[in-house]
C-alpha atoms as a PDB file:
ATOM      1  CA  MET A   1     -18.000   7.859  -3.433  1.00  0.00           C
ATOM      2  CA  SER A   2     -20.755   7.687  -6.023  1.00  0.00           C
ATOM      3  CA  THR A   3     -23.300   5.068  -7.014  1.00  0.00           C
ATOM      4  CA  SER A   4     -23.136   5.725 -10.761  1.00  0.00           C
ATOM      5  CA  LEU A   5     -20.240   5.851 -13.192  1.00  0.00           C
ATOM      6  CA  ASP A   6     -19.883   8.219 -16.134  1.00  0.00           C
ATOM      7  CA  THR A   7     -16.773   6.893 -17.872  1.00  0.00           C
ATOM      8  CA  SER A   8     -16.514  10.012 -20.038  1.00  0.00           C
ATOM      9  CA  LYS A   9     -15.504  11.983 -16.928  1.00  0.00           C
ATOM     10  CA  ILE A  10     -12.841   9.555 -15.696  1.00  0.00           C
ATOM     11  CA  LYS A  11      -9.224  10.650 -16.100  1.00  0.00           C
ATOM     12  CA  ALA A  12      -7.339   8.336 -13.730  1.00  0.00           C
ATOM     13  CA  LEU A  13      -7.276   4.823 -12.292  1.00  0.00           C
ATOM     14  CA  ALA A  14      -5.915   4.378  -8.749  1.00  0.00           C
ATOM     15  CA  LEU A  15      -4.818   0.765  -8.505  1.00  0.00           C
ATOM     16  CA  ASP A  16      -4.017  -1.352  -5.494  1.00  0.00           C
ATOM     17  CA  LEU A  17      -1.674  -4.151  -6.519  1.00  0.00           C
ATOM     18  CA  ASP A  18      -1.752  -7.235  -4.283  1.00  0.00           C
ATOM     19  CA  GLY A  19      -5.135  -8.922  -4.213  1.00  0.00           C
ATOM     20  CA  THR A  20      -6.601  -6.475  -6.729  1.00  0.00           C
ATOM     21  CA  LEU A  21      -4.657  -5.814  -9.934  1.00  0.00           C
ATOM     22  CA  LEU A  22      -2.333  -8.778  -9.461  1.00  0.00           C
ATOM     23  CA  ALA A  23      -3.463 -12.380  -9.692  1.00  0.00           C
ATOM     24  CA  PRO A  24      -2.760 -14.747  -6.770  1.00  0.00           C
ATOM     25  CA  GLY A  25       0.961 -15.183  -6.261  1.00  0.00           C
ATOM     26  CA  ALA A  26       1.539 -11.498  -7.120  1.00  0.00           C
ATOM     27  CA  VAL A  27       1.392 -12.197 -10.854  1.00  0.00           C
ATOM     28  CA  LEU A  28       0.661  -9.555 -13.482  1.00  0.00           C
ATOM     29  CA  SER A  29      -1.337 -11.499 -16.061  1.00  0.00           C
ATOM     30  CA  GLU A  30      -0.903 -10.919 -19.781  1.00  0.00           C
ATOM     31  CA  ARG A  31      -4.522  -9.841 -20.092  1.00  0.00           C
ATOM     32  CA  THR A  32      -4.269  -7.322 -17.272  1.00  0.00           C
ATOM     33  CA  ALA A  33      -1.035  -5.873 -18.668  1.00  0.00           C
ATOM     34  CA  ARG A  34      -2.588  -5.549 -22.123  1.00  0.00           C
ATOM     35  CA  VAL A  35      -5.727  -3.844 -20.802  1.00  0.00           C
ATOM     36  CA  ILE A  36      -3.901  -1.387 -18.528  1.00  0.00           C
ATOM     37  CA  ASN A  37      -1.602  -0.412 -21.387  1.00  0.00           C
ATOM     38  CA  ALA A  38      -4.616   0.097 -23.644  1.00  0.00           C
ATOM     39  CA  CYS A  39      -6.288   2.306 -21.030  1.00  0.00           C
ATOM     40  CA  ARG A  40      -3.097   4.333 -20.645  1.00  0.00           C
ATOM     41  CA  GLU A  41      -2.863   4.769 -24.407  1.00  0.00           C
ATOM     42  CA  LYS A  42      -6.445   6.084 -24.394  1.00  0.00           C
ATOM     43  CA  GLY A  43      -5.300   8.824 -22.018  1.00  0.00           C
ATOM     44  CA  LEU A  44      -6.142   7.419 -18.593  1.00  0.00           C
ATOM     45  CA  GLN A  45      -3.585   8.223 -15.899  1.00  0.00           C
ATOM     46  CA  ILE A  46      -2.371   5.097 -14.091  1.00  0.00           C
ATOM     47  CA  ILE A  47      -1.643   5.642 -10.393  1.00  0.00           C
ATOM     48  CA  PHE A  48      -0.347   2.846  -8.204  1.00  0.00           C
ATOM     49  CA  ALA A  49      -1.710   3.038  -4.656  1.00  0.00           C
ATOM     50  CA  THR A  50       0.102   0.253  -2.880  1.00  0.00           C
ATOM     51  CA  GLY A  51       1.546  -0.776   0.444  1.00  0.00           C
ATOM     52  CA  ARG A  52       4.645  -1.926  -1.408  1.00  0.00           C
ATOM     53  CA  ALA A  53       7.939  -0.097  -1.501  1.00  0.00           C
ATOM     54  CA  ARG A  54       8.834   1.617  -4.757  1.00  0.00           C
ATOM     55  CA  GLU A  55      11.458  -1.037  -5.488  1.00  0.00           C
ATOM     56  CA  ALA A  56       8.925  -3.836  -5.020  1.00  0.00           C
ATOM     57  CA  ALA A  57       6.419  -2.202  -7.384  1.00  0.00           C
ATOM     58  CA  GLU A  58       8.813  -1.414 -10.237  1.00  0.00           C
ATOM     59  CA  LYS A  59       8.534  -4.846 -11.839  1.00  0.00           C
ATOM     60  CA  PHE A  60       4.839  -4.094 -12.387  1.00  0.00           C
ATOM     61  CA  ARG A  61       5.074  -0.387 -13.223  1.00  0.00           C
ATOM     62  CA  ILE A  62       7.633  -0.774 -16.003  1.00  0.00           C
ATOM     63  CA  PRO A  63       5.683  -3.235 -18.209  1.00  0.00           C
ATOM     64  CA  LEU A  64       2.568  -1.084 -17.784  1.00  0.00           C
ATOM     65  CA  GLY A  65       4.391   2.062 -18.895  1.00  0.00           C
ATOM     66  CA  ALA A  66       2.889   3.950 -15.957  1.00  0.00           C
ATOM     67  CA  GLU A  67       4.489   7.328 -15.242  1.00  0.00           C
ATOM     68  CA  GLY A  68       3.770  10.184 -12.872  1.00  0.00           C
ATOM     69  CA  PRO A  69       3.053  10.302  -9.126  1.00  0.00           C
ATOM     70  CA  MET A  70       2.698   6.914  -7.433  1.00  0.00           C
ATOM     71  CA  VAL A  71       1.549   6.155  -3.897  1.00  0.00           C
ATOM     72  CA  TYR A  72       3.841   3.794  -1.988  1.00  0.00           C
ATOM     73  CA  PHE A  73       3.930   2.444   1.575  1.00  0.00           C
ATOM     74  CA  ASN A  74       0.164   3.080   1.890  1.00  0.00           C
ATOM     75  CA  GLY A  75       0.752   6.797   1.354  1.00  0.00           C
ATOM     76  CA  ALA A  76       3.840   7.311   3.510  1.00  0.00           C
ATOM     77  CA  ILE A  77       5.730   8.135   0.316  1.00  0.00           C
ATOM     78  CA  VAL A  78       4.486   9.645  -2.938  1.00  0.00           C
ATOM     79  CA  ALA A  79       7.115   9.591  -5.674  1.00  0.00           C
ATOM     80  CA  ASP A  80       7.230  10.778  -9.263  1.00  0.00           C
ATOM     81  CA  MET A  81       8.128   7.947 -11.590  1.00  0.00           C
ATOM     82  CA  PRO A  82      10.281   7.010 -13.382  1.00  0.00           C
ATOM     83  CA  SER A  83      12.580   9.704 -11.947  1.00  0.00           C
ATOM     84  CA  GLY A  84      12.030   8.437  -8.402  1.00  0.00           C
ATOM     85  CA  LYS A  85      11.838  11.988  -7.050  1.00  0.00           C
ATOM     86  CA  THR A  86      10.080  11.999  -3.689  1.00  0.00           C
ATOM     87  CA  LEU A  87       7.083  14.338  -3.638  1.00  0.00           C
ATOM     88  CA  HIS A  88       5.887  13.559  -0.112  1.00  0.00           C
ATOM     89  CA  THR A  89       7.193  11.682   2.922  1.00  0.00           C
ATOM     90  CA  CYS A  90       5.465  11.064   6.248  1.00  0.00           C
ATOM     91  CA  LEU A  91       7.527   9.348   8.954  1.00  0.00           C
ATOM     92  CA  MET A  92       6.503   7.469  12.090  1.00  0.00           C
ATOM     93  CA  ASP A  93       8.088   8.905  15.239  1.00  0.00           C
ATOM     94  CA  LYS A  94      10.949   7.081  16.933  1.00  0.00           C
ATOM     95  CA  GLU A  95       9.239   6.714  20.317  1.00  0.00           C
ATOM     96  CA  SER A  96       6.328   4.818  18.758  1.00  0.00           C
ATOM     97  CA  VAL A  97       8.723   2.601  16.825  1.00  0.00           C
ATOM     98  CA  GLU A  98      10.643   1.795  20.007  1.00  0.00           C
ATOM     99  CA  PHE A  99       7.433   0.600  21.661  1.00  0.00           C
ATOM    100  CA  CYS A 100       6.666  -1.603  18.654  1.00  0.00           C
ATOM    101  CA  ILE A 101      10.171  -3.075  18.783  1.00  0.00           C
ATOM    102  CA  ASP A 102       9.795  -3.857  22.492  1.00  0.00           C
ATOM    103  CA  LEU A 103       6.423  -5.488  21.866  1.00  0.00           C
ATOM    104  CA  SER A 104       7.801  -7.655  19.066  1.00  0.00           C
ATOM    105  CA  ARG A 105      10.588  -8.838  21.357  1.00  0.00           C
ATOM    106  CA  GLN A 106       8.197  -9.477  24.237  1.00  0.00           C
ATOM    107  CA  LEU A 107       5.744 -11.490  22.116  1.00  0.00           C
ATOM    108  CA  ASP A 108       8.401 -13.002  19.834  1.00  0.00           C
ATOM    109  CA  ILE A 109       6.570 -11.795  16.717  1.00  0.00           C
ATOM    110  CA  TYR A 110       8.518 -11.000  13.557  1.00  0.00           C
ATOM    111  CA  TYR A 111       8.771  -7.237  13.013  1.00  0.00           C
ATOM    112  CA  GLN A 112      10.506  -5.260  10.278  1.00  0.00           C
ATOM    113  CA  VAL A 113      11.107  -1.575   9.664  1.00  0.00           C
ATOM    114  CA  TYR A 114      11.614   0.490   6.514  1.00  0.00           C
ATOM    115  CA  PHE A 115      14.154   3.212   7.274  1.00  0.00           C
ATOM    116  CA  PRO A 116      14.343   6.361   5.125  1.00  0.00           C
ATOM    117  CA  GLY A 117      17.446   7.326   3.223  1.00  0.00           C
ATOM    118  CA  THR A 118      19.955   9.665   4.856  1.00  0.00           C
ATOM    119  CA  ALA A 119      22.947  11.680   3.684  1.00  0.00           C
ATOM    120  CA  ALA A 120      25.174   8.747   4.605  1.00  0.00           C
ATOM    121  CA  ARG A 121      22.878   6.196   2.969  1.00  0.00           C
ATOM    122  CA  PRO A 122      20.567   7.799   0.369  1.00  0.00           C
ATOM    123  CA  GLU A 123      18.384   4.771  -0.379  1.00  0.00           C
ATOM    124  CA  SER A 124      15.719   3.540   2.037  1.00  0.00           C
ATOM    125  CA  PHE A 125      16.331   0.093   3.498  1.00  0.00           C
ATOM    126  CA  LEU A 126      14.453  -2.673   5.296  1.00  0.00           C
ATOM    127  CA  MET A 127      15.684  -4.198   8.558  1.00  0.00           C
ATOM    128  CA  ALA A 128      14.573  -6.936  10.952  1.00  0.00           C
ATOM    129  CA  GLU A 129      16.124  -8.506  14.017  1.00  0.00           C
ATOM    130  CA  LYS A 130      15.794 -12.171  13.132  1.00  0.00           C
ATOM    131  CA  ALA A 131      15.740 -14.500  10.172  1.00  0.00           C
ATOM    132  CA  GLY A 132      12.986 -17.018   9.635  1.00  0.00           C
ATOM    133  CA  ALA A 133       9.974 -18.024   7.577  1.00  0.00           C
ATOM    134  CA  GLN A 134       8.320 -14.590   7.690  1.00  0.00           C
ATOM    135  CA  ARG A 135      11.431 -12.823   6.437  1.00  0.00           C
ATOM    136  CA  ASP A 136      11.790 -15.362   3.632  1.00  0.00           C
ATOM    137  CA  MET A 137       8.111 -15.102   2.717  1.00  0.00           C
ATOM    138  CA  TYR A 138       8.298 -11.316   2.452  1.00  0.00           C
ATOM    139  CA  HIS A 139      11.420 -11.640   0.314  1.00  0.00           C
ATOM    140  CA  ASN A 140       9.661 -14.065  -2.017  1.00  0.00           C
ATOM    141  CA  HIS A 141       6.601 -11.818  -2.187  1.00  0.00           C
ATOM    142  CA  THR A 142       8.355  -8.500  -2.837  1.00  0.00           C
ATOM    143  CA  GLY A 143      11.919  -9.274  -3.860  1.00  0.00           C
ATOM    144  CA  ILE A 144      13.195  -7.298  -0.853  1.00  0.00           C
ATOM    145  CA  LEU A 145      15.162  -9.127   1.832  1.00  0.00           C
ATOM    146  CA  ALA A 146      15.338  -7.455   5.230  1.00  0.00           C
ATOM    147  CA  GLU A 147      18.828  -6.799   6.533  1.00  0.00           C
ATOM    148  CA  LEU A 148      19.492  -8.236   9.972  1.00  0.00           C
ATOM    149  CA  GLY A 149      20.495  -5.989  12.838  1.00  0.00           C
ATOM    150  CA  ASP A 150      19.495  -4.296  16.074  1.00  0.00           C
ATOM    151  CA  LEU A 151      16.495  -2.101  15.238  1.00  0.00           C
ATOM    152  CA  LYS A 152      16.965   0.270  18.165  1.00  0.00           C
ATOM    153  CA  GLU A 153      20.598   0.747  17.257  1.00  0.00           C
ATOM    154  CA  ALA A 154      19.622   1.555  13.662  1.00  0.00           C
ATOM    155  CA  LEU A 155      16.927   3.921  14.920  1.00  0.00           C
ATOM    156  CA  GLY A 156      19.547   5.888  16.835  1.00  0.00           C
ATOM    157  CA  LYS A 157      21.903   6.477  13.922  1.00  0.00           C
ATOM    158  CA  PRO A 158      22.581  10.069  12.752  1.00  0.00           C
ATOM    159  CA  GLY A 159      20.038  11.402  10.290  1.00  0.00           C
ATOM    160  CA  ILE A 160      17.238   9.011  11.300  1.00  0.00           C
ATOM    161  CA  THR A 161      14.349  11.154  12.561  1.00  0.00           C
ATOM    162  CA  GLY A 162      11.657   8.520  12.062  1.00  0.00           C
ATOM    163  CA  VAL A 163      10.773   5.568   9.839  1.00  0.00           C
ATOM    164  CA  VAL A 164       8.666   5.130   6.719  1.00  0.00           C
ATOM    165  CA  LYS A 165       6.750   1.976   7.610  1.00  0.00           C
ATOM    166  CA  THR A 166       6.806  -0.831  10.142  1.00  0.00           C
ATOM    167  CA  MET A 167       5.081  -4.168   9.934  1.00  0.00           C
ATOM    168  CA  TYR A 168       4.446  -7.328  11.899  1.00  0.00           C
ATOM    169  CA  LEU A 169       4.202 -10.660  10.098  1.00  0.00           C
ATOM    170  CA  ALA A 170       2.352 -13.522  11.800  1.00  0.00           C
ATOM    171  CA  GLU A 171      -0.667 -15.779  11.479  1.00  0.00           C
ATOM    172  CA  PRO A 172      -3.991 -13.869  11.350  1.00  0.00           C
ATOM    173  CA  GLU A 173      -5.178 -15.106  14.744  1.00  0.00           C
ATOM    174  CA  VAL A 174      -1.939 -13.893  16.349  1.00  0.00           C
ATOM    175  CA  LEU A 175      -2.221 -10.480  14.703  1.00  0.00           C
ATOM    176  CA  ASP A 176      -5.895 -10.063  15.603  1.00  0.00           C
ATOM    177  CA  SER A 177      -6.164 -11.703  19.013  1.00  0.00           C
ATOM    178  CA  VAL A 178      -2.719 -11.238  20.557  1.00  0.00           C
ATOM    179  CA  LEU A 179      -0.906  -8.327  18.935  1.00  0.00           C
ATOM    180  CA  ARG A 180      -3.537  -5.806  17.897  1.00  0.00           C
ATOM    181  CA  PRO A 181      -5.208  -5.551  21.335  1.00  0.00           C
ATOM    182  CA  LYS A 182      -1.838  -4.698  22.903  1.00  0.00           C
ATOM    183  CA  LEU A 183      -1.133  -2.087  20.250  1.00  0.00           C
ATOM    184  CA  GLU A 184      -4.580  -0.576  20.777  1.00  0.00           C
ATOM    185  CA  ASP A 185      -4.105  -0.548  24.554  1.00  0.00           C
ATOM    186  CA  HIS A 186      -0.991   1.561  24.067  1.00  0.00           C
ATOM    187  CA  PHE A 187      -1.803   3.737  21.047  1.00  0.00           C
ATOM    188  CA  GLY A 188      -5.583   3.897  21.264  1.00  0.00           C
ATOM    189  CA  LYS A 189      -8.242   2.565  18.940  1.00  0.00           C
ATOM    190  CA  GLY A 190     -10.092   3.943  15.934  1.00  0.00           C
ATOM    191  CA  PRO A 191     -10.181   7.731  15.445  1.00  0.00           C
ATOM    192  CA  GLY A 192      -8.362   8.239  18.744  1.00  0.00           C
ATOM    193  CA  SER A 193      -5.349   6.112  17.813  1.00  0.00           C
ATOM    194  CA  ALA A 194      -1.894   7.705  17.831  1.00  0.00           C
ATOM    195  CA  VAL A 195      -0.788   5.539  14.883  1.00  0.00           C
ATOM    196  CA  TYR A 196      -2.289   4.196  11.674  1.00  0.00           C
ATOM    197  CA  MET A 197      -2.759   0.414  11.737  1.00  0.00           C
ATOM    198  CA  ALA A 198      -3.938  -1.631   8.781  1.00  0.00           C
ATOM    199  CA  ARG A 199      -4.057  -5.245   7.698  1.00  0.00           C
ATOM    200  CA  THR A 200      -2.682  -5.265   4.166  1.00  0.00           C
ATOM    201  CA  LEU A 201      -2.320  -8.973   3.507  1.00  0.00           C
ATOM    202  CA  LYS A 202      -3.673 -11.818   5.607  1.00  0.00           C
ATOM    203  CA  THR A 203      -0.452 -12.143   7.594  1.00  0.00           C
ATOM    204  CA  PHE A 204       0.651  -8.468   7.556  1.00  0.00           C
ATOM    205  CA  LEU A 205      -0.195  -5.803  10.128  1.00  0.00           C
ATOM    206  CA  GLU A 206       1.331  -2.446   9.255  1.00  0.00           C
ATOM    207  CA  VAL A 207       1.870   0.395  11.722  1.00  0.00           C
ATOM    208  CA  MET A 208       2.672   3.914  10.504  1.00  0.00           C
ATOM    209  CA  ASN A 209       2.270   7.614  11.182  1.00  0.00           C
ATOM    210  CA  ILE A 210      -1.365   8.416  12.022  1.00  0.00           C
ATOM    211  CA  THR A 211      -1.672  10.798   9.057  1.00  0.00           C
ATOM    212  CA  VAL A 212      -0.644   8.127   6.545  1.00  0.00           C
ATOM    213  CA  SER A 213      -3.259   6.538   4.308  1.00  0.00           C
ATOM    214  CA  LYS A 214      -3.796   5.709   0.678  1.00  0.00           C
ATOM    215  CA  GLY A 215      -6.444   8.415   0.710  1.00  0.00           C
ATOM    216  CA  SER A 216      -4.006  11.163   1.699  1.00  0.00           C
ATOM    217  CA  GLY A 217      -1.411   9.817  -0.730  1.00  0.00           C
ATOM    218  CA  LEU A 218      -3.915   9.694  -3.575  1.00  0.00           C
ATOM    219  CA  SER A 219      -4.997  13.281  -2.853  1.00  0.00           C
ATOM    220  CA  ILE A 220      -1.381  14.430  -3.165  1.00  0.00           C
ATOM    221  CA  ALA A 221      -0.969  12.548  -6.448  1.00  0.00           C
ATOM    222  CA  LEU A 222      -4.192  13.973  -7.886  1.00  0.00           C
ATOM    223  CA  ASN A 223      -3.272  17.520  -6.877  1.00  0.00           C
ATOM    224  CA  ARG A 224       0.056  17.073  -8.606  1.00  0.00           C
ATOM    225  CA  LEU A 225      -1.722  15.927 -11.774  1.00  0.00           C
ATOM    226  CA  GLY A 226      -4.484  18.519 -11.658  1.00  0.00           C
ATOM    227  CA  ILE A 227      -7.125  15.776 -11.587  1.00  0.00           C
ATOM    228  CA  LYS A 228     -10.258  16.102  -9.454  1.00  0.00           C
ATOM    229  CA  SER A 229     -11.230  13.344  -7.029  1.00  0.00           C
ATOM    230  CA  GLU A 230     -14.483  12.722  -8.894  1.00  0.00           C
ATOM    231  CA  GLU A 231     -12.433  11.961 -12.015  1.00  0.00           C
ATOM    232  CA  VAL A 232     -10.722   8.875 -10.557  1.00  0.00           C
ATOM    233  CA  ILE A 233     -11.766   5.265 -10.006  1.00  0.00           C
ATOM    234  CA  ALA A 234     -10.121   3.512  -7.044  1.00  0.00           C
ATOM    235  CA  PHE A 235      -9.634  -0.263  -6.962  1.00  0.00           C
ATOM    236  CA  GLY A 236      -8.824  -2.184  -3.769  1.00  0.00           C
ATOM    237  CA  ASP A 237      -9.442  -5.278  -1.672  1.00  0.00           C
ATOM    238  CA  GLU A 238      -8.147  -4.625   1.874  1.00  0.00           C
ATOM    239  CA  GLU A 239      -8.895  -2.274   4.763  1.00  0.00           C
ATOM    240  CA  ASN A 240      -5.973  -0.039   3.801  1.00  0.00           C
ATOM    241  CA  ASP A 241      -7.841   0.732   0.558  1.00  0.00           C
ATOM    242  CA  LEU A 242     -10.890   2.189   2.305  1.00  0.00           C
ATOM    243  CA  PRO A 243      -9.414   5.708   2.741  1.00  0.00           C
ATOM    244  CA  MET A 244      -8.934   6.073  -1.015  1.00  0.00           C
ATOM    245  CA  PHE A 245     -12.478   4.810  -1.618  1.00  0.00           C
ATOM    246  CA  LYS A 246     -13.613   7.897   0.315  1.00  0.00           C
ATOM    247  CA  ILE A 247     -11.499  10.139  -1.922  1.00  0.00           C
ATOM    248  CA  ALA A 248     -12.314   8.665  -5.320  1.00  0.00           C
ATOM    249  CA  GLY A 249     -15.389   9.471  -7.341  1.00  0.00           C
ATOM    250  CA  TYR A 250     -16.040   5.762  -7.876  1.00  0.00           C
ATOM    251  CA  SER A 251     -14.738   2.690  -6.061  1.00  0.00           C
ATOM    252  CA  VAL A 252     -14.397  -0.913  -7.186  1.00  0.00           C
ATOM    253  CA  ALA A 253     -13.578  -4.053  -5.179  1.00  0.00           C
ATOM    254  CA  PRO A 254     -12.848  -7.551  -6.484  1.00  0.00           C
ATOM    255  CA  ALA A 255     -15.036 -10.370  -5.191  1.00  0.00           C
ATOM    256  CA  ASN A 256     -12.090 -11.691  -3.146  1.00  0.00           C
ATOM    257  CA  ALA A 257     -11.964  -8.454  -1.113  1.00  0.00           C
ATOM    258  CA  LYS A 258     -12.781  -8.289   2.571  1.00  0.00           C
ATOM    259  CA  ASP A 259     -16.492  -7.956   3.310  1.00  0.00           C
ATOM    260  CA  ALA A 260     -16.096  -4.426   4.689  1.00  0.00           C
ATOM    261  CA  VAL A 261     -14.323  -3.348   1.516  1.00  0.00           C
ATOM    262  CA  LYS A 262     -16.988  -4.856  -0.737  1.00  0.00           C
ATOM    263  CA  ALA A 263     -19.667  -3.152   1.343  1.00  0.00           C
ATOM    264  CA  ALA A 264     -17.945   0.221   0.902  1.00  0.00           C
ATOM    265  CA  ALA A 265     -17.387  -0.147  -2.847  1.00  0.00           C
ATOM    266  CA  ASP A 266     -19.700   1.210  -5.525  1.00  0.00           C
ATOM    267  CA  LEU A 267     -19.186  -1.962  -7.536  1.00  0.00           C
ATOM    268  CA  VAL A 268     -17.965  -5.501  -6.876  1.00  0.00           C
ATOM    269  CA  ILE A 269     -16.313  -7.202  -9.848  1.00  0.00           C
ATOM    270  CA  GLY A 270     -14.722 -10.589 -10.538  1.00  0.00           C
ATOM    271  CA  THR A 271     -11.885 -11.870  -8.397  1.00  0.00           C
ATOM    272  CA  ASN A 272      -8.238 -11.088  -8.997  1.00  0.00           C
ATOM    273  CA  ALA A 273      -7.819 -14.723 -10.077  1.00  0.00           C
ATOM    274  CA  GLU A 274     -10.359 -14.006 -12.837  1.00  0.00           C
ATOM    275  CA  ASP A 275      -8.626 -10.783 -13.974  1.00  0.00           C
ATOM    276  CA  GLY A 276     -11.604  -8.898 -12.571  1.00  0.00           C
ATOM    277  CA  VAL A 277     -10.032  -5.456 -12.997  1.00  0.00           C
ATOM    278  CA  ALA A 278      -9.143  -6.150 -16.626  1.00  0.00           C
ATOM    279  CA  VAL A 279     -12.635  -7.446 -17.425  1.00  0.00           C
ATOM    280  CA  PHE A 280     -14.222  -4.347 -15.878  1.00  0.00           C
ATOM    281  CA  LEU A 281     -11.912  -1.947 -17.729  1.00  0.00           C
ATOM    282  CA  GLU A 282     -12.455  -3.700 -21.053  1.00  0.00           C
ATOM    283  CA  GLU A 283     -16.199  -3.272 -20.719  1.00  0.00           C
ATOM    284  CA  ALA A 284     -16.042   0.275 -19.356  1.00  0.00           C
ATOM    285  CA  PHE A 285     -13.356   1.862 -21.551  1.00  0.00           C
ATOM    286  CA  LEU A 286     -12.242  -0.357 -24.426  1.00  0.00           C
ATOM    287  CA  ARG A 287     -15.436  -1.222 -26.286  1.00  0.00           C
END
């Protein structure tokens, strides 16, 4: 992280989507689309660094013309686009997932799991054990509807050695005061934790392999591109964006970001509702 920005040395933009690039309601504004395309045409590499699945990010990647390595699932998967070829996968172990399933059943908190593709079923898929408002909300937000089924049964199917990402959906006070303490009691807290936990949206708590982060995913993408860390600007608003702030040469947070994220950023810009990323890029690269 640096305190000054020399735009002549920047070769890539690492972009979080929800709460950062996208306006409220997960909308890609016309202005933002125009500016990102203009930056790409000037030679800047566009790298998505998102908690979303590849399928849920495609509707934003395609109109931006972004190609090359993209960071999905907070770094659990790095894929080359538009081919979709997986460059890196990091799975959460089955024993940890089983504990999370048991806890969701015990506390009656909605929990869903992204399973990796197998020989029998090549595409990854999302599964939950119950329908309800949280499942519908996630579907509306991402376009992906969780299949319903027994998670432990799915976990035991041939070819499943682990899972890509798991997440709890509940009100913030439930996630913070009820669920997270129990997860930390079991897995540990902070640097000593056996899993990676991150709040991605207000009502999402994601649990993944401990080595997963947007920082590790971004490093893989940059190595693939031959771009140095000091040649990238990272944009983000949530705690899962902090690891890539540590990797990038310069970090930017919108004014709607969490306080800890704004404190860690080199620069705080306008909110996502104000097209803050687009305004910053216009001034920095397009004048």
